[in-house]
Amino acid sequence: MAGLPREDRRHRVYGLFGPRIVWIWENFNWTTVAADINGNSGPSSTAIYNNMVSNRMYGVHAGFGNDWFLGTTPIGAFSFVLDVEGGLYLDLVKTNAGYELADRSTSSTRAGRMSTLSPSVEFRAGVKWYCWEGITIEVGYDMQTYFNTIASPRPVDFNLGQVNPEYDHIFFRWYQGIHMGITFTF
């Protein structure tokens, strides 16, 4: 059929689909110590501030991939792989912020829950080396982007009586990295 991708010995196209859980966890800690004139301090003069934001995203992803066979060499065969995916997640956010003295005699905290829809786009490119029959080594680059997640860009709230740091929707976050793996096929 004209216009549809075709599969042959040097190129194949495949679909990707399934459920996924993504967890973005951020924690800001700040410890302040009040020392006397001699430099002495203790638990009663040490304050700890903590602000935690947990984005747990539950959803589905779908996309497609391509695998182009590059050729055979005396050390094995090689191929180039390119995957593109999109996803939609229900982002269940937990927040917890508060002050506490190190001796645990005084504290003030606030916890909350929020939810939002968060779409994503993912991109992976890599090279596969078929070094031996049934053994494949892959090295590549990953990039993941998430939209409409929640964070605390200014995590410190200086009001001990009513801890209420600001939480905002972040339009765009992206993570990148290198992946490496080995596959054994039986």
C-alpha atoms as a PDB file:
ATOM      1  CA  MET A   1       0.000   0.000   0.000  1.00  0.00           C
ATOM      2  CA  ALA A   2       1.294   3.423  -0.869  1.00  0.00           C
ATOM      3  CA  GLY A   3       2.021   5.815   1.974  1.00  0.00           C
ATOM      4  CA  LEU A   4       2.310   3.194   4.735  1.00  0.00           C
ATOM      5  CA  PRO A   5       5.658   2.303   6.272  1.00  0.00           C
ATOM      6  CA  ARG A   6       6.939  -0.989   5.061  1.00  0.00           C
ATOM      7  CA  GLU A   7       9.111  -3.555   6.707  1.00  0.00           C
ATOM      8  CA  ASP A   8      11.991  -5.217   4.940  1.00  0.00           C
ATOM      9  CA  ARG A   9      15.260  -6.867   5.908  1.00  0.00           C
ATOM     10  CA  ARG A  10      16.972  -3.521   6.649  1.00  0.00           C
ATOM     11  CA  HIS A  11      14.157  -1.552   8.338  1.00  0.00           C
ATOM     12  CA  ARG A  12      11.277  -2.348  10.654  1.00  0.00           C
ATOM     13  CA  VAL A  13       8.613  -0.214  12.339  1.00  0.00           C
ATOM     14  CA  TYR A  14       6.951  -1.286  15.583  1.00  0.00           C
ATOM     15  CA  GLY A  15       4.320   0.095  17.936  1.00  0.00           C
ATOM     16  CA  LEU A  16       4.725   0.847  21.636  1.00  0.00           C
ATOM     17  CA  PHE A  17       1.769   0.930  24.048  1.00  0.00           C
ATOM     18  CA  GLY A  18       1.075   0.212  27.683  1.00  0.00           C
ATOM     19  CA  PRO A  19       0.432   1.442  31.201  1.00  0.00           C
ATOM     20  CA  ARG A  20       3.118   3.410  33.006  1.00  0.00           C
ATOM     21  CA  ILE A  21       3.851   4.948  36.409  1.00  0.00           C
ATOM     22  CA  VAL A  22       6.180   7.969  36.607  1.00  0.00           C
ATOM     23  CA  TRP A  23       7.315   9.454  39.912  1.00  0.00           C
ATOM     24  CA  ILE A  24       9.013  12.848  40.244  1.00  0.00           C
ATOM     25  CA  TRP A  25      10.044  13.404  43.859  1.00  0.00           C
ATOM     26  CA  GLU A  26      11.607  16.668  45.053  1.00  0.00           C
ATOM     27  CA  ASN A  27      12.823  17.439  48.570  1.00  0.00           C
ATOM     28  CA  PHE A  28      14.284  20.712  49.848  1.00  0.00           C
ATOM     29  CA  ASN A  29      16.037  20.625  53.252  1.00  0.00           C
ATOM     30  CA  TRP A  30      17.445  23.588  55.129  1.00  0.00           C
ATOM     31  CA  THR A  31      19.195  23.365  58.504  1.00  0.00           C
ATOM     32  CA  THR A  32      19.937  26.482  60.548  1.00  0.00           C
ATOM     33  CA  VAL A  33      22.184  26.415  63.629  1.00  0.00           C
ATOM     34  CA  ALA A  34      22.361  29.203  66.231  1.00  0.00           C
ATOM     35  CA  ALA A  35      25.690  29.062  68.062  1.00  0.00           C
ATOM     36  CA  ASP A  36      26.646  31.021  71.170  1.00  0.00           C
ATOM     37  CA  ILE A  37      29.681  33.297  71.444  1.00  0.00           C
ATOM     38  CA  ASN A  38      31.944  30.263  72.042  1.00  0.00           C
ATOM     39  CA  GLY A  39      30.618  28.414  68.993  1.00  0.00           C
ATOM     40  CA  ASN A  40      28.563  25.912  70.985  1.00  0.00           C
ATOM     41  CA  SER A  41      25.189  24.738  69.735  1.00  0.00           C
ATOM     42  CA  GLY A  42      22.818  21.903  70.406  1.00  0.00           C
ATOM     43  CA  PRO A  43      19.550  20.321  69.308  1.00  0.00           C
ATOM     44  CA  SER A  44      17.467  23.051  70.958  1.00  0.00           C
ATOM     45  CA  SER A  45      19.228  25.717  68.853  1.00  0.00           C
ATOM     46  CA  THR A  46      19.069  23.839  65.527  1.00  0.00           C
ATOM     47  CA  ALA A  47      16.053  24.286  63.240  1.00  0.00           C
ATOM     48  CA  ILE A  48      15.287  22.043  60.278  1.00  0.00           C
ATOM     49  CA  TYR A  49      12.996  23.129  57.415  1.00  0.00           C
ATOM     50  CA  ASN A  50      11.739  20.570  54.918  1.00  0.00           C
ATOM     51  CA  ASN A  51       9.586  20.949  51.789  1.00  0.00           C
ATOM     52  CA  MET A  52       8.704  17.781  49.853  1.00  0.00           C
ATOM     53  CA  VAL A  53       6.692  17.529  46.611  1.00  0.00           C
ATOM     54  CA  SER A  54       5.799  14.094  45.203  1.00  0.00           C
ATOM     55  CA  ASN A  55       4.297  13.891  41.671  1.00  0.00           C
ATOM     56  CA  ARG A  56       3.011  10.340  41.157  1.00  0.00           C
ATOM     57  CA  MET A  57       1.712  10.000  37.620  1.00  0.00           C
ATOM     58  CA  TYR A  58      -0.428   7.050  36.536  1.00  0.00           C
ATOM     59  CA  GLY A  59      -1.356   6.696  32.877  1.00  0.00           C
ATOM     60  CA  VAL A  60      -0.722   5.198  29.459  1.00  0.00           C
ATOM     61  CA  HIS A  61       1.861   5.794  26.769  1.00  0.00           C
ATOM     62  CA  ALA A  62       1.811   5.068  23.067  1.00  0.00           C
ATOM     63  CA  GLY A  63       4.228   5.578  20.222  1.00  0.00           C
ATOM     64  CA  PHE A  64       6.268   3.955  17.515  1.00  0.00           C
ATOM     65  CA  GLY A  65       9.820   2.881  16.905  1.00  0.00           C
ATOM     66  CA  ASN A  66      12.146   2.309  13.981  1.00  0.00           C
ATOM     67  CA  ASP A  67      15.055  -0.072  13.673  1.00  0.00           C
ATOM     68  CA  TRP A  68      17.438   0.415  10.716  1.00  0.00           C
ATOM     69  CA  PHE A  69      19.971  -2.341  10.058  1.00  0.00           C
ATOM     70  CA  LEU A  70      23.354  -0.714   9.338  1.00  0.00           C
ATOM     71  CA  GLY A  71      25.368  -3.754   8.319  1.00  0.00           C
ATOM     72  CA  THR A  72      27.533  -6.655   9.354  1.00  0.00           C
ATOM     73  CA  THR A  73      31.185  -6.418  10.373  1.00  0.00           C
ATOM     74  CA  PRO A  74      33.724  -9.008  11.584  1.00  0.00           C
ATOM     75  CA  ILE A  75      32.799  -8.075  15.194  1.00  0.00           C
ATOM     76  CA  GLY A  76      29.020  -8.364  14.686  1.00  0.00           C
ATOM     77  CA  ALA A  77      26.029  -6.550  13.212  1.00  0.00           C
ATOM     78  CA  PHE A  78      24.815  -3.009  14.031  1.00  0.00           C
ATOM     79  CA  SER A  79      21.506  -1.159  13.838  1.00  0.00           C
ATOM     80  CA  PHE A  80      20.217   2.345  14.646  1.00  0.00           C
ATOM     81  CA  VAL A  81      17.058   2.602  16.800  1.00  0.00           C
ATOM     82  CA  LEU A  82      14.705   5.603  17.111  1.00  0.00           C
ATOM     83  CA  ASP A  83      11.596   5.614  19.362  1.00  0.00           C
ATOM     84  CA  VAL A  84       9.048   8.417  19.830  1.00  0.00           C
ATOM     85  CA  GLU A  85       6.263   8.181  22.443  1.00  0.00           C
ATOM     86  CA  GLY A  86       3.561  10.296  24.008  1.00  0.00           C
ATOM     87  CA  GLY A  87       1.646   9.750  27.211  1.00  0.00           C
ATOM     88  CA  LEU A  88      -1.171  11.092  29.337  1.00  0.00           C
ATOM     89  CA  TYR A  89      -1.063  10.773  33.129  1.00  0.00           C
ATOM     90  CA  LEU A  90      -3.215  11.533  36.151  1.00  0.00           C
ATOM     91  CA  ASP A  91      -0.744  13.375  38.412  1.00  0.00           C
ATOM     92  CA  LEU A  92      -1.551  12.746  42.095  1.00  0.00           C
ATOM     93  CA  VAL A  93       0.574  15.227  44.045  1.00  0.00           C
ATOM     94  CA  LYS A  94       1.446  15.052  47.738  1.00  0.00           C
ATOM     95  CA  THR A  95       3.083  18.010  49.518  1.00  0.00           C
ATOM     96  CA  ASN A  96       4.552  18.306  52.987  1.00  0.00           C
ATOM     97  CA  ALA A  97       6.382  21.325  54.409  1.00  0.00           C
ATOM     98  CA  GLY A  98       7.376  22.287  57.939  1.00  0.00           C
ATOM     99  CA  TYR A  99       9.789  23.475  60.588  1.00  0.00           C
ATOM    100  CA  GLU A 100      11.097  21.380  63.458  1.00  0.00           C
ATOM    101  CA  LEU A 101      13.693  21.862  66.165  1.00  0.00           C
ATOM    102  CA  ALA A 102      16.335  19.137  66.204  1.00  0.00           C
ATOM    103  CA  ASP A 103      15.326  18.161  69.761  1.00  0.00           C
ATOM    104  CA  ARG A 104      11.755  17.650  68.441  1.00  0.00           C
ATOM    105  CA  SER A 105      10.279  19.961  71.101  1.00  0.00           C
ATOM    106  CA  THR A 106       8.648  22.360  68.603  1.00  0.00           C
ATOM    107  CA  SER A 107       7.286  21.840  65.097  1.00  0.00           C
ATOM    108  CA  SER A 108       4.883  23.335  62.578  1.00  0.00           C
ATOM    109  CA  THR A 109       3.905  21.452  59.411  1.00  0.00           C
ATOM    110  CA  ARG A 110       1.388  21.488  56.588  1.00  0.00           C
ATOM    111  CA  ALA A 111       0.532  18.681  54.198  1.00  0.00           C
ATOM    112  CA  GLY A 112      -1.684  18.747  51.141  1.00  0.00           C
ATOM    113  CA  ARG A 113      -2.868  16.854  48.084  1.00  0.00           C
ATOM    114  CA  MET A 114      -3.533  18.083  44.554  1.00  0.00           C
ATOM    115  CA  SER A 115      -4.193  16.479  41.185  1.00  0.00           C
ATOM    116  CA  THR A 116      -3.812  17.455  37.553  1.00  0.00           C
ATOM    117  CA  LEU A 117      -3.493  15.908  34.081  1.00  0.00           C
ATOM    118  CA  SER A 118       0.081  15.749  32.768  1.00  0.00           C
ATOM    119  CA  PRO A 119       0.930  14.880  29.153  1.00  0.00           C
ATOM    120  CA  SER A 120       4.412  13.739  28.141  1.00  0.00           C
ATOM    121  CA  VAL A 121       6.632  13.273  25.091  1.00  0.00           C
ATOM    122  CA  GLU A 122       9.599  10.896  25.009  1.00  0.00           C
ATOM    123  CA  PHE A 123      12.415  10.386  22.537  1.00  0.00           C
ATOM    124  CA  ARG A 124      15.051   7.629  22.433  1.00  0.00           C
ATOM    125  CA  ALA A 125      17.857   7.122  19.923  1.00  0.00           C
ATOM    126  CA  GLY A 126      20.552   4.494  20.090  1.00  0.00           C
ATOM    127  CA  VAL A 127      22.774   1.923  18.465  1.00  0.00           C
ATOM    128  CA  LYS A 128      22.408  -1.836  18.887  1.00  0.00           C
ATOM    129  CA  TRP A 129      25.349  -4.171  18.513  1.00  0.00           C
ATOM    130  CA  TYR A 130      24.473  -7.803  17.826  1.00  0.00           C
ATOM    131  CA  CYS A 131      27.815  -9.111  19.062  1.00  0.00           C
ATOM    132  CA  TRP A 132      26.938 -12.824  19.300  1.00  0.00           C
ATOM    133  CA  GLU A 133      23.914 -14.925  18.497  1.00  0.00           C
ATOM    134  CA  GLY A 134      21.354 -14.199  21.246  1.00  0.00           C
ATOM    135  CA  ILE A 135      23.385 -11.322  22.782  1.00  0.00           C
ATOM    136  CA  THR A 136      22.643  -7.644  22.010  1.00  0.00           C
ATOM    137  CA  ILE A 137      24.275  -4.565  23.542  1.00  0.00           C
ATOM    138  CA  GLU A 138      22.527  -1.183  23.235  1.00  0.00           C
ATOM    139  CA  VAL A 139      23.770   2.342  23.965  1.00  0.00           C
ATOM    140  CA  GLY A 140      21.669   5.436  23.425  1.00  0.00           C
ATOM    141  CA  TYR A 141      20.269   8.793  24.486  1.00  0.00           C
ATOM    142  CA  ASP A 142      16.894   9.361  26.202  1.00  0.00           C
ATOM    143  CA  MET A 143      14.880  12.547  26.592  1.00  0.00           C
ATOM    144  CA  GLN A 144      11.624  12.725  28.563  1.00  0.00           C
ATOM    145  CA  THR A 145       9.404  15.797  28.856  1.00  0.00           C
ATOM    146  CA  TYR A 146       6.441  16.286  31.184  1.00  0.00           C
ATOM    147  CA  PHE A 147       3.917  19.119  31.041  1.00  0.00           C
ATOM    148  CA  ASN A 148       1.721  20.629  33.772  1.00  0.00           C
ATOM    149  CA  THR A 149       3.392  19.046  36.817  1.00  0.00           C
ATOM    150  CA  ILE A 150       3.444  20.726  40.240  1.00  0.00           C
ATOM    151  CA  ALA A 151       6.533  22.047  42.049  1.00  0.00           C
ATOM    152  CA  SER A 152       7.576  24.562  44.687  1.00  0.00           C
ATOM    153  CA  PRO A 153       9.901  26.982  42.845  1.00  0.00           C
ATOM    154  CA  ARG A 154      10.327  29.105  46.017  1.00  0.00           C
ATOM    155  CA  PRO A 155      10.357  26.310  48.608  1.00  0.00           C
ATOM    156  CA  VAL A 156      10.981  28.342  51.789  1.00  0.00           C
ATOM    157  CA  ASP A 157       8.081  29.837  53.751  1.00  0.00           C
ATOM    158  CA  PHE A 158       9.314  32.018  56.604  1.00  0.00           C
ATOM    159  CA  ASN A 159       6.044  31.965  58.598  1.00  0.00           C
ATOM    160  CA  LEU A 160       6.390  29.412  61.410  1.00  0.00           C
ATOM    161  CA  GLY A 161       2.831  30.049  62.610  1.00  0.00           C
ATOM    162  CA  GLN A 162       1.251  29.128  59.276  1.00  0.00           C
ATOM    163  CA  VAL A 163       3.568  27.142  57.028  1.00  0.00           C
ATOM    164  CA  ASN A 164       2.209  27.694  53.520  1.00  0.00           C
ATOM    165  CA  PRO A 165       4.847  27.602  50.737  1.00  0.00           C
ATOM    166  CA  GLU A 166       3.734  28.340  47.201  1.00  0.00           C
ATOM    167  CA  TYR A 167       3.060  25.425  44.836  1.00  0.00           C
ATOM    168  CA  ASP A 168       2.784  26.164  41.107  1.00  0.00           C
ATOM    169  CA  HIS A 169       2.044  24.310  37.905  1.00  0.00           C
ATOM    170  CA  ILE A 170       5.274  23.918  35.942  1.00  0.00           C
ATOM    171  CA  PHE A 171       4.540  24.083  32.212  1.00  0.00           C
ATOM    172  CA  PHE A 172       7.572  22.098  31.024  1.00  0.00           C
ATOM    173  CA  ARG A 173      10.111  19.766  32.644  1.00  0.00           C
ATOM    174  CA  TRP A 174      12.611  17.655  30.805  1.00  0.00           C
ATOM    175  CA  TYR A 175      15.017  14.935  31.805  1.00  0.00           C
ATOM    176  CA  GLN A 176      17.773  13.490  29.689  1.00  0.00           C
ATOM    177  CA  GLY A 177      20.359  10.772  30.000  1.00  0.00           C
ATOM    178  CA  ILE A 178      22.301   7.963  28.437  1.00  0.00           C
ATOM    179  CA  HIS A 179      21.055   4.392  28.577  1.00  0.00           C
ATOM    180  CA  MET A 180      23.074   1.194  28.245  1.00  0.00           C
ATOM    181  CA  GLY A 181      21.841  -2.364  28.312  1.00  0.00           C
ATOM    182  CA  ILE A 182      22.530  -5.939  27.378  1.00  0.00           C
ATOM    183  CA  THR A 183      19.930  -8.451  26.182  1.00  0.00           C
ATOM    184  CA  PHE A 184      20.199 -12.229  26.292  1.00  0.00           C
ATOM    185  CA  THR A 185      17.726 -14.062  24.022  1.00  0.00           C
ATOM    186  CA  PHE A 186      17.057 -17.735  24.657  1.00  0.00           C
END
